[in-house]
Amino acid sequence: EEVGDNQEAAKELKTLFEHPPFDTPKPTRLIKKMIELSTNPNNNDIILDFLAGSGTTGHATMSKNFEDQGNRKFILVQLPEKINNEIVRKSFSSIAEICKERMKRVIQNFNEKLKQTKIDETKMDSGLKVFKLAKSNYKVWENVKDETQLKEQLTLFENPLIENYKDIDVIYEIIIKEGYSLNSKIEEISVKTNKIYKISDEDFFFYVTLDKQLKQESLEKLKLDENIMFVCMDSAIDDSLKTNLNQQCKLKTI
């Protein structure tokens, strides 16, 4: 009576999906009760679900935040497992895709509800980021002894990144390598000749550019100093500019 049952949870999914992806999902009220007992609404607590399924934990967290204007966050982890239900499989390729879609629809519903209440929308975080595990964007150096193969590999490494990489993927990989949070803010800085990004994580930040050639005038607006990290392609700067940057800031090259 207090925390619901599978039948109630199934009805809940029917309000989100035409064909519910699971027959016996966890009831949102049960997870909400667990969150209520184990978290504080104003401590930026993080709820982790390593077997996210359809995303009930994320749904429950947002629901509880809506009730008490909490600032809890959630991390959902789900393998892209295949779906047995043939009807559902026509719309979703994996359980992970169902989880993502549920969270999008839940957020949309809560945003609609917020408009009908007196709750300050700026205090309610309804953002969602989705990441998937993938291979590195950096080329992997292979230990070869043959001289011909070594020369070929050196030629390949004139560009240290894989072909057809996306800037955003490389930036997030740098964020991880430098120990920054995946919730870091990525802001494009408008400069004369280069596209430069400012990566901010609370009180810490650094700059990164993946342009193939870096101009000195692009750096003037950044006001770099010895405490600021700047990341760029090694091939984008000549020896003179590299020397200047090394003296001016914490330079790291790709």
C-alpha atoms as a PDB file:
ATOM      1  CA  GLU A   1       0.000   0.000   0.000  1.00  0.00           C
ATOM      2  CA  GLU A   2       2.847   2.386   0.758  1.00  0.00           C
ATOM      3  CA  VAL A   3       5.356   1.665  -2.012  1.00  0.00           C
ATOM      4  CA  GLY A   4       3.309   0.158  -4.851  1.00  0.00           C
ATOM      5  CA  ASP A   5       3.748  -3.087  -6.767  1.00  0.00           C
ATOM      6  CA  ASN A   6       4.674  -4.404 -10.218  1.00  0.00           C
ATOM      7  CA  GLN A   7       1.138  -3.970 -11.514  1.00  0.00           C
ATOM      8  CA  GLU A   8       1.180  -0.288 -10.596  1.00  0.00           C
ATOM      9  CA  ALA A   9       4.621   0.081 -12.201  1.00  0.00           C
ATOM     10  CA  ALA A  10       3.370  -1.553 -15.400  1.00  0.00           C
ATOM     11  CA  LYS A  11       0.468   0.936 -15.570  1.00  0.00           C
ATOM     12  CA  GLU A  12       2.944   3.745 -15.049  1.00  0.00           C
ATOM     13  CA  LEU A  13       5.006   2.624 -18.040  1.00  0.00           C
ATOM     14  CA  LYS A  14       1.846   2.524 -20.156  1.00  0.00           C
ATOM     15  CA  THR A  15       1.491   6.278 -19.628  1.00  0.00           C
ATOM     16  CA  LEU A  16       4.934   6.727 -21.210  1.00  0.00           C
ATOM     17  CA  PHE A  17       5.020   4.005 -23.882  1.00  0.00           C
ATOM     18  CA  GLU A  18       2.376   2.701 -26.245  1.00  0.00           C
ATOM     19  CA  HIS A  19       3.841  -0.789 -25.797  1.00  0.00           C
ATOM     20  CA  PRO A  20       5.423  -1.118 -22.296  1.00  0.00           C
ATOM     21  CA  PRO A  21       8.928  -2.630 -22.659  1.00  0.00           C
ATOM     22  CA  PHE A  22       8.802  -4.620 -19.385  1.00  0.00           C
ATOM     23  CA  ASP A  23       6.127  -6.817 -17.808  1.00  0.00           C
ATOM     24  CA  THR A  24       7.354  -6.463 -14.215  1.00  0.00           C
ATOM     25  CA  PRO A  25       9.162  -3.122 -13.778  1.00  0.00           C
ATOM     26  CA  LYS A  26      10.103  -1.735 -10.358  1.00  0.00           C
ATOM     27  CA  PRO A  27       7.449   0.600  -8.912  1.00  0.00           C
ATOM     28  CA  THR A  28       8.590   4.219  -8.825  1.00  0.00           C
ATOM     29  CA  ARG A  29       7.049   4.665  -5.354  1.00  0.00           C
ATOM     30  CA  LEU A  30       9.350   1.955  -3.958  1.00  0.00           C
ATOM     31  CA  ILE A  31      12.492   3.643  -5.269  1.00  0.00           C
ATOM     32  CA  LYS A  32      11.206   7.033  -4.097  1.00  0.00           C
ATOM     33  CA  LYS A  33      10.811   5.619  -0.579  1.00  0.00           C
ATOM     34  CA  MET A  34      14.385   4.288  -0.657  1.00  0.00           C
ATOM     35  CA  ILE A  35      15.599   7.713  -1.821  1.00  0.00           C
ATOM     36  CA  GLU A  36      13.617   9.433   0.925  1.00  0.00           C
ATOM     37  CA  LEU A  37      15.155   7.197   3.598  1.00  0.00           C
ATOM     38  CA  SER A  38      18.748   7.393   2.375  1.00  0.00           C
ATOM     39  CA  THR A  39      19.273  10.904   0.970  1.00  0.00           C
ATOM     40  CA  ASN A  40      18.977  14.555   1.902  1.00  0.00           C
ATOM     41  CA  PRO A  41      17.099  16.771  -0.553  1.00  0.00           C
ATOM     42  CA  ASN A  42      19.617  19.629  -0.282  1.00  0.00           C
ATOM     43  CA  ASN A  43      23.004  17.853  -0.162  1.00  0.00           C
ATOM     44  CA  ASN A  44      23.511  17.302  -3.919  1.00  0.00           C
ATOM     45  CA  ASP A  45      23.355  13.558  -3.212  1.00  0.00           C
ATOM     46  CA  ILE A  46      24.036  11.233  -6.155  1.00  0.00           C
ATOM     47  CA  ILE A  47      21.977   8.065  -6.661  1.00  0.00           C
ATOM     48  CA  LEU A  48      23.702   5.357  -8.725  1.00  0.00           C
ATOM     49  CA  ASP A  49      21.870   2.494 -10.420  1.00  0.00           C
ATOM     50  CA  PHE A  50      24.227   0.064 -12.165  1.00  0.00           C
ATOM     51  CA  LEU A  51      21.335  -2.017 -13.542  1.00  0.00           C
ATOM     52  CA  ALA A  52      19.100   0.788 -14.755  1.00  0.00           C
ATOM     53  CA  GLY A  53      16.653  -1.228 -16.866  1.00  0.00           C
ATOM     54  CA  SER A  54      13.934   1.132 -18.066  1.00  0.00           C
ATOM     55  CA  GLY A  55      15.206   3.984 -15.866  1.00  0.00           C
ATOM     56  CA  THR A  56      12.895   3.716 -12.854  1.00  0.00           C
ATOM     57  CA  THR A  57      15.598   5.095 -10.519  1.00  0.00           C
ATOM     58  CA  GLY A  58      16.040   8.226 -12.638  1.00  0.00           C
ATOM     59  CA  HIS A  59      12.265   8.652 -12.836  1.00  0.00           C
ATOM     60  CA  ALA A  60      11.943   8.264  -9.049  1.00  0.00           C
ATOM     61  CA  THR A  61      14.771  10.723  -8.350  1.00  0.00           C
ATOM     62  CA  MET A  62      13.207  13.419 -10.501  1.00  0.00           C
ATOM     63  CA  SER A  63       9.802  12.738  -8.948  1.00  0.00           C
ATOM     64  CA  LYS A  64      11.195  13.078  -5.423  1.00  0.00           C
ATOM     65  CA  ASN A  65      13.036  16.281  -6.363  1.00  0.00           C
ATOM     66  CA  PHE A  66       9.776  17.644  -7.726  1.00  0.00           C
ATOM     67  CA  GLU A  67       8.011  16.860  -4.440  1.00  0.00           C
ATOM     68  CA  ASP A  68      10.546  18.433  -2.065  1.00  0.00           C
ATOM     69  CA  GLN A  69      12.453  20.771  -4.463  1.00  0.00           C
ATOM     70  CA  GLY A  70      15.538  18.628  -3.912  1.00  0.00           C
ATOM     71  CA  ASN A  71      18.839  18.822  -5.814  1.00  0.00           C
ATOM     72  CA  ARG A  72      19.662  15.113  -5.995  1.00  0.00           C
ATOM     73  CA  LYS A  73      21.345  13.791  -9.120  1.00  0.00           C
ATOM     74  CA  PHE A  74      21.352  10.308 -10.612  1.00  0.00           C
ATOM     75  CA  ILE A  75      23.670   8.140 -12.683  1.00  0.00           C
ATOM     76  CA  LEU A  76      22.088   5.300 -14.645  1.00  0.00           C
ATOM     77  CA  VAL A  77      24.224   2.551 -16.186  1.00  0.00           C
ATOM     78  CA  GLN A  78      22.754   0.056 -18.635  1.00  0.00           C
ATOM     79  CA  LEU A  79      24.306  -2.350 -21.125  1.00  0.00           C
ATOM     80  CA  PRO A  80      22.785  -2.284 -24.630  1.00  0.00           C
ATOM     81  CA  GLU A  81      21.067  -5.633 -24.048  1.00  0.00           C
ATOM     82  CA  LYS A  82      18.788  -6.996 -26.739  1.00  0.00           C
ATOM     83  CA  ILE A  83      15.011  -6.806 -26.347  1.00  0.00           C
ATOM     84  CA  ASN A  84      12.946  -9.992 -26.413  1.00  0.00           C
ATOM     85  CA  ASN A  85       9.574  -8.398 -27.146  1.00  0.00           C
ATOM     86  CA  GLU A  86       9.223  -8.245 -30.949  1.00  0.00           C
ATOM     87  CA  ILE A  87       6.763  -5.321 -30.881  1.00  0.00           C
ATOM     88  CA  VAL A  88       9.025  -3.214 -28.649  1.00  0.00           C
ATOM     89  CA  ARG A  89      12.065  -4.199 -30.732  1.00  0.00           C
ATOM     90  CA  LYS A  90      10.562  -2.353 -33.719  1.00  0.00           C
ATOM     91  CA  SER A  91      10.951   0.942 -31.851  1.00  0.00           C
ATOM     92  CA  PHE A  92      14.050   0.365 -29.707  1.00  0.00           C
ATOM     93  CA  SER A  93      17.303  -1.403 -30.526  1.00  0.00           C
ATOM     94  CA  SER A  94      18.253  -2.144 -26.900  1.00  0.00           C
ATOM     95  CA  ILE A  95      17.236  -1.761 -23.251  1.00  0.00           C
ATOM     96  CA  ALA A  96      19.652   1.182 -22.994  1.00  0.00           C
ATOM     97  CA  GLU A  97      17.684   2.998 -25.718  1.00  0.00           C
ATOM     98  CA  ILE A  98      14.451   2.426 -23.761  1.00  0.00           C
ATOM     99  CA  CYS A  99      16.058   3.901 -20.638  1.00  0.00           C
ATOM    100  CA  LYS A 100      17.194   7.004 -22.534  1.00  0.00           C
ATOM    101  CA  GLU A 101      13.786   7.513 -24.116  1.00  0.00           C
ATOM    102  CA  ARG A 102      11.965   7.085 -20.815  1.00  0.00           C
ATOM    103  CA  MET A 103      14.111   9.761 -19.182  1.00  0.00           C
ATOM    104  CA  LYS A 104      13.493  12.168 -22.070  1.00  0.00           C
ATOM    105  CA  ARG A 105       9.724  11.668 -21.744  1.00  0.00           C
ATOM    106  CA  VAL A 106       9.803  11.922 -17.943  1.00  0.00           C
ATOM    107  CA  ILE A 107      11.746  15.202 -18.172  1.00  0.00           C
ATOM    108  CA  GLN A 108       9.286  16.541 -20.728  1.00  0.00           C
ATOM    109  CA  ASN A 109       6.360  15.667 -18.436  1.00  0.00           C
ATOM    110  CA  PHE A 110       7.981  17.304 -15.403  1.00  0.00           C
ATOM    111  CA  ASN A 111       8.778  20.448 -17.381  1.00  0.00           C
ATOM    112  CA  GLU A 112       5.103  20.677 -18.314  1.00  0.00           C
ATOM    113  CA  LYS A 113       4.114  20.229 -14.652  1.00  0.00           C
ATOM    114  CA  LEU A 114       6.594  22.920 -13.561  1.00  0.00           C
ATOM    115  CA  LYS A 115       4.840  25.461 -15.765  1.00  0.00           C
ATOM    116  CA  GLN A 116       1.617  24.793 -13.827  1.00  0.00           C
ATOM    117  CA  THR A 117       3.169  25.275 -10.366  1.00  0.00           C
ATOM    118  CA  LYS A 118       4.715  28.122  -8.376  1.00  0.00           C
ATOM    119  CA  ILE A 119       8.047  26.272  -8.135  1.00  0.00           C
ATOM    120  CA  ASP A 120      11.056  28.293  -9.288  1.00  0.00           C
ATOM    121  CA  GLU A 121      12.096  26.503 -12.495  1.00  0.00           C
ATOM    122  CA  THR A 122      15.692  27.711 -12.135  1.00  0.00           C
ATOM    123  CA  LYS A 123      16.041  25.645  -8.939  1.00  0.00           C
ATOM    124  CA  MET A 124      14.934  22.415 -10.633  1.00  0.00           C
ATOM    125  CA  ASP A 125      17.603  20.595 -12.627  1.00  0.00           C
ATOM    126  CA  SER A 126      15.987  18.706 -15.483  1.00  0.00           C
ATOM    127  CA  GLY A 127      19.141  18.274 -17.549  1.00  0.00           C
ATOM    128  CA  LEU A 128      20.276  14.938 -18.975  1.00  0.00           C
ATOM    129  CA  LYS A 129      23.597  13.838 -20.467  1.00  0.00           C
ATOM    130  CA  VAL A 130      24.053  10.476 -22.159  1.00  0.00           C
ATOM    131  CA  PHE A 131      27.442   8.796 -22.616  1.00  0.00           C
ATOM    132  CA  LYS A 132      28.415   5.451 -24.078  1.00  0.00           C
ATOM    133  CA  LEU A 133      31.629   3.515 -23.676  1.00  0.00           C
ATOM    134  CA  ALA A 134      33.701   3.729 -26.850  1.00  0.00           C
ATOM    135  CA  LYS A 135      37.235   3.260 -28.118  1.00  0.00           C
ATOM    136  CA  SER A 136      39.752   6.032 -27.591  1.00  0.00           C
ATOM    137  CA  ASN A 137      40.055   8.828 -30.143  1.00  0.00           C
ATOM    138  CA  TYR A 138      43.833   8.597 -29.723  1.00  0.00           C
ATOM    139  CA  LYS A 139      45.729   6.242 -31.996  1.00  0.00           C
ATOM    140  CA  VAL A 140      47.336   3.324 -30.188  1.00  0.00           C
ATOM    141  CA  TRP A 141      51.101   2.944 -30.626  1.00  0.00           C
ATOM    142  CA  GLU A 142      52.022  -0.625 -31.478  1.00  0.00           C
ATOM    143  CA  ASN A 143      55.407  -2.068 -30.588  1.00  0.00           C
ATOM    144  CA  VAL A 144      56.937  -3.087 -33.916  1.00  0.00           C
ATOM    145  CA  LYS A 145      60.532  -4.059 -34.588  1.00  0.00           C
ATOM    146  CA  ASP A 146      60.482  -4.168 -38.364  1.00  0.00           C
ATOM    147  CA  GLU A 147      61.993  -0.946 -39.785  1.00  0.00           C
ATOM    148  CA  THR A 148      59.434  -0.655 -42.600  1.00  0.00           C
ATOM    149  CA  GLN A 149      56.489  -1.062 -40.211  1.00  0.00           C
ATOM    150  CA  LEU A 150      58.058   1.463 -37.842  1.00  0.00           C
ATOM    151  CA  LYS A 151      58.335   4.053 -40.627  1.00  0.00           C
ATOM    152  CA  GLU A 152      54.703   3.406 -41.607  1.00  0.00           C
ATOM    153  CA  GLN A 153      53.602   3.852 -38.014  1.00  0.00           C
ATOM    154  CA  LEU A 154      55.554   7.100 -37.646  1.00  0.00           C
ATOM    155  CA  THR A 155      53.805   8.401 -40.774  1.00  0.00           C
ATOM    156  CA  LEU A 156      50.409   7.443 -39.334  1.00  0.00           C
ATOM    157  CA  PHE A 157      51.197   9.271 -36.095  1.00  0.00           C
ATOM    158  CA  GLU A 158      51.731  12.584 -37.858  1.00  0.00           C
ATOM    159  CA  ASN A 159      48.088  12.935 -36.807  1.00  0.00           C
ATOM    160  CA  PRO A 160      47.723  11.353 -33.341  1.00  0.00           C
ATOM    161  CA  LEU A 161      43.920  11.157 -33.513  1.00  0.00           C
ATOM    162  CA  ILE A 162      41.790   8.625 -35.346  1.00  0.00           C
ATOM    163  CA  GLU A 163      40.108   9.503 -38.630  1.00  0.00           C
ATOM    164  CA  ASN A 164      36.689  11.193 -38.610  1.00  0.00           C
ATOM    165  CA  TYR A 165      36.830  11.997 -34.911  1.00  0.00           C
ATOM    166  CA  LYS A 166      34.341  14.471 -33.470  1.00  0.00           C
ATOM    167  CA  ASP A 167      35.635  17.447 -31.496  1.00  0.00           C
ATOM    168  CA  ILE A 168      33.163  16.837 -28.669  1.00  0.00           C
ATOM    169  CA  ASP A 169      34.329  13.210 -28.259  1.00  0.00           C
ATOM    170  CA  VAL A 170      37.994  14.239 -28.016  1.00  0.00           C
ATOM    171  CA  ILE A 171      37.129  17.052 -25.594  1.00  0.00           C
ATOM    172  CA  TYR A 172      35.311  14.658 -23.262  1.00  0.00           C
ATOM    173  CA  GLU A 173      38.248  12.253 -23.433  1.00  0.00           C
ATOM    174  CA  ILE A 174      40.572  15.093 -22.418  1.00  0.00           C
ATOM    175  CA  ILE A 175      38.139  15.999 -19.616  1.00  0.00           C
ATOM    176  CA  ILE A 176      38.384  12.435 -18.292  1.00  0.00           C
ATOM    177  CA  LYS A 177      42.177  12.257 -18.694  1.00  0.00           C
ATOM    178  CA  GLU A 178      42.589  15.501 -16.735  1.00  0.00           C
ATOM    179  CA  GLY A 179      40.336  14.343 -13.896  1.00  0.00           C
ATOM    180  CA  TYR A 180      37.500  16.766 -14.596  1.00  0.00           C
ATOM    181  CA  SER A 181      33.835  15.859 -14.122  1.00  0.00           C
ATOM    182  CA  LEU A 182      31.634  14.728 -17.019  1.00  0.00           C
ATOM    183  CA  ASN A 183      29.305  17.495 -15.857  1.00  0.00           C
ATOM    184  CA  SER A 184      31.923  20.071 -16.834  1.00  0.00           C
ATOM    185  CA  LYS A 185      30.587  23.014 -18.803  1.00  0.00           C
ATOM    186  CA  ILE A 186      31.887  23.246 -22.381  1.00  0.00           C
ATOM    187  CA  GLU A 187      31.805  26.779 -23.767  1.00  0.00           C
ATOM    188  CA  GLU A 188      33.009  27.851 -27.221  1.00  0.00           C
ATOM    189  CA  ILE A 189      35.093  31.034 -27.030  1.00  0.00           C
ATOM    190  CA  SER A 190      34.806  33.417 -29.967  1.00  0.00           C
ATOM    191  CA  VAL A 191      38.255  34.382 -31.177  1.00  0.00           C
ATOM    192  CA  LYS A 192      39.594  35.810 -34.417  1.00  0.00           C
ATOM    193  CA  THR A 193      40.959  32.798 -36.235  1.00  0.00           C
ATOM    194  CA  ASN A 194      40.608  29.722 -33.991  1.00  0.00           C
ATOM    195  CA  LYS A 195      37.837  27.741 -32.341  1.00  0.00           C
ATOM    196  CA  ILE A 196      38.772  27.455 -28.671  1.00  0.00           C
ATOM    197  CA  TYR A 197      36.754  25.805 -25.913  1.00  0.00           C
ATOM    198  CA  LYS A 198      36.694  26.723 -22.236  1.00  0.00           C
ATOM    199  CA  ILE A 199      36.099  23.691 -19.986  1.00  0.00           C
ATOM    200  CA  SER A 200      34.803  24.633 -16.517  1.00  0.00           C
ATOM    201  CA  ASP A 201      34.271  22.332 -13.537  1.00  0.00           C
ATOM    202  CA  GLU A 202      33.148  24.394 -10.526  1.00  0.00           C
ATOM    203  CA  ASP A 203      36.158  26.631  -9.681  1.00  0.00           C
ATOM    204  CA  PHE A 204      38.557  24.955 -12.130  1.00  0.00           C
ATOM    205  CA  PHE A 205      38.882  25.475 -15.874  1.00  0.00           C
ATOM    206  CA  PHE A 206      41.189  24.992 -18.857  1.00  0.00           C
ATOM    207  CA  TYR A 207      41.203  25.774 -22.571  1.00  0.00           C
ATOM    208  CA  VAL A 208      41.426  23.387 -25.504  1.00  0.00           C
ATOM    209  CA  THR A 209      41.541  23.748 -29.272  1.00  0.00           C
ATOM    210  CA  LEU A 210      41.727  21.029 -31.903  1.00  0.00           C
ATOM    211  CA  ASP A 211      42.444  23.369 -34.809  1.00  0.00           C
ATOM    212  CA  LYS A 212      45.247  22.293 -37.123  1.00  0.00           C
ATOM    213  CA  GLN A 213      46.954  25.668 -36.919  1.00  0.00           C
ATOM    214  CA  LEU A 214      46.985  27.989 -33.903  1.00  0.00           C
ATOM    215  CA  LYS A 215      47.471  31.731 -34.321  1.00  0.00           C
ATOM    216  CA  GLN A 216      49.159  33.911 -31.704  1.00  0.00           C
ATOM    217  CA  GLU A 217      46.404  36.543 -31.910  1.00  0.00           C
ATOM    218  CA  SER A 218      43.811  33.943 -30.880  1.00  0.00           C
ATOM    219  CA  LEU A 219      45.516  33.553 -27.508  1.00  0.00           C
ATOM    220  CA  GLU A 220      45.526  37.218 -26.508  1.00  0.00           C
ATOM    221  CA  LYS A 221      41.858  37.244 -25.426  1.00  0.00           C
ATOM    222  CA  LEU A 222      42.375  34.240 -23.116  1.00  0.00           C
ATOM    223  CA  LYS A 223      44.750  36.050 -20.730  1.00  0.00           C
ATOM    224  CA  LEU A 224      46.697  32.874 -19.999  1.00  0.00           C
ATOM    225  CA  ASP A 225      48.912  32.600 -16.939  1.00  0.00           C
ATOM    226  CA  GLU A 226      51.054  29.964 -15.230  1.00  0.00           C
ATOM    227  CA  ASN A 227      48.024  28.441 -13.446  1.00  0.00           C
ATOM    228  CA  ILE A 228      45.903  27.934 -16.567  1.00  0.00           C
ATOM    229  CA  MET A 229      46.160  24.779 -18.664  1.00  0.00           C
ATOM    230  CA  PHE A 230      45.992  25.049 -22.445  1.00  0.00           C
ATOM    231  CA  VAL A 231      45.633  21.944 -24.650  1.00  0.00           C
ATOM    232  CA  CYS A 232      46.243  21.917 -28.403  1.00  0.00           C
ATOM    233  CA  MET A 233      47.553  19.765 -31.230  1.00  0.00           C
ATOM    234  CA  ASP A 234      51.364  19.518 -31.206  1.00  0.00           C
ATOM    235  CA  SER A 235      51.425  20.037 -34.956  1.00  0.00           C
ATOM    236  CA  ALA A 236      49.341  23.231 -34.629  1.00  0.00           C
ATOM    237  CA  ILE A 237      52.178  25.287 -33.131  1.00  0.00           C
ATOM    238  CA  ASP A 238      55.722  25.960 -34.261  1.00  0.00           C
ATOM    239  CA  ASP A 239      58.748  25.810 -31.942  1.00  0.00           C
ATOM    240  CA  SER A 240      58.645  29.526 -31.213  1.00  0.00           C
ATOM    241  CA  LEU A 241      54.986  29.568 -30.178  1.00  0.00           C
ATOM    242  CA  LYS A 242      55.459  26.371 -28.167  1.00  0.00           C
ATOM    243  CA  THR A 243      58.319  27.973 -26.228  1.00  0.00           C
ATOM    244  CA  ASN A 244      56.227  31.074 -25.514  1.00  0.00           C
ATOM    245  CA  LEU A 245      53.223  29.052 -24.390  1.00  0.00           C
ATOM    246  CA  ASN A 246      55.372  26.881 -22.124  1.00  0.00           C
ATOM    247  CA  GLN A 247      56.531  30.016 -20.334  1.00  0.00           C
ATOM    248  CA  GLN A 248      53.090  31.597 -20.314  1.00  0.00           C
ATOM    249  CA  CYS A 249      50.847  28.737 -19.135  1.00  0.00           C
ATOM    250  CA  LYS A 250      50.554  24.983 -18.466  1.00  0.00           C
ATOM    251  CA  LEU A 251      50.829  23.750 -22.054  1.00  0.00           C
ATOM    252  CA  LYS A 252      49.785  20.211 -22.987  1.00  0.00           C
ATOM    253  CA  THR A 253      49.899  18.972 -26.557  1.00  0.00           C
ATOM    254  CA  ILE A 254      48.226  16.095 -28.374  1.00  0.00           C
END
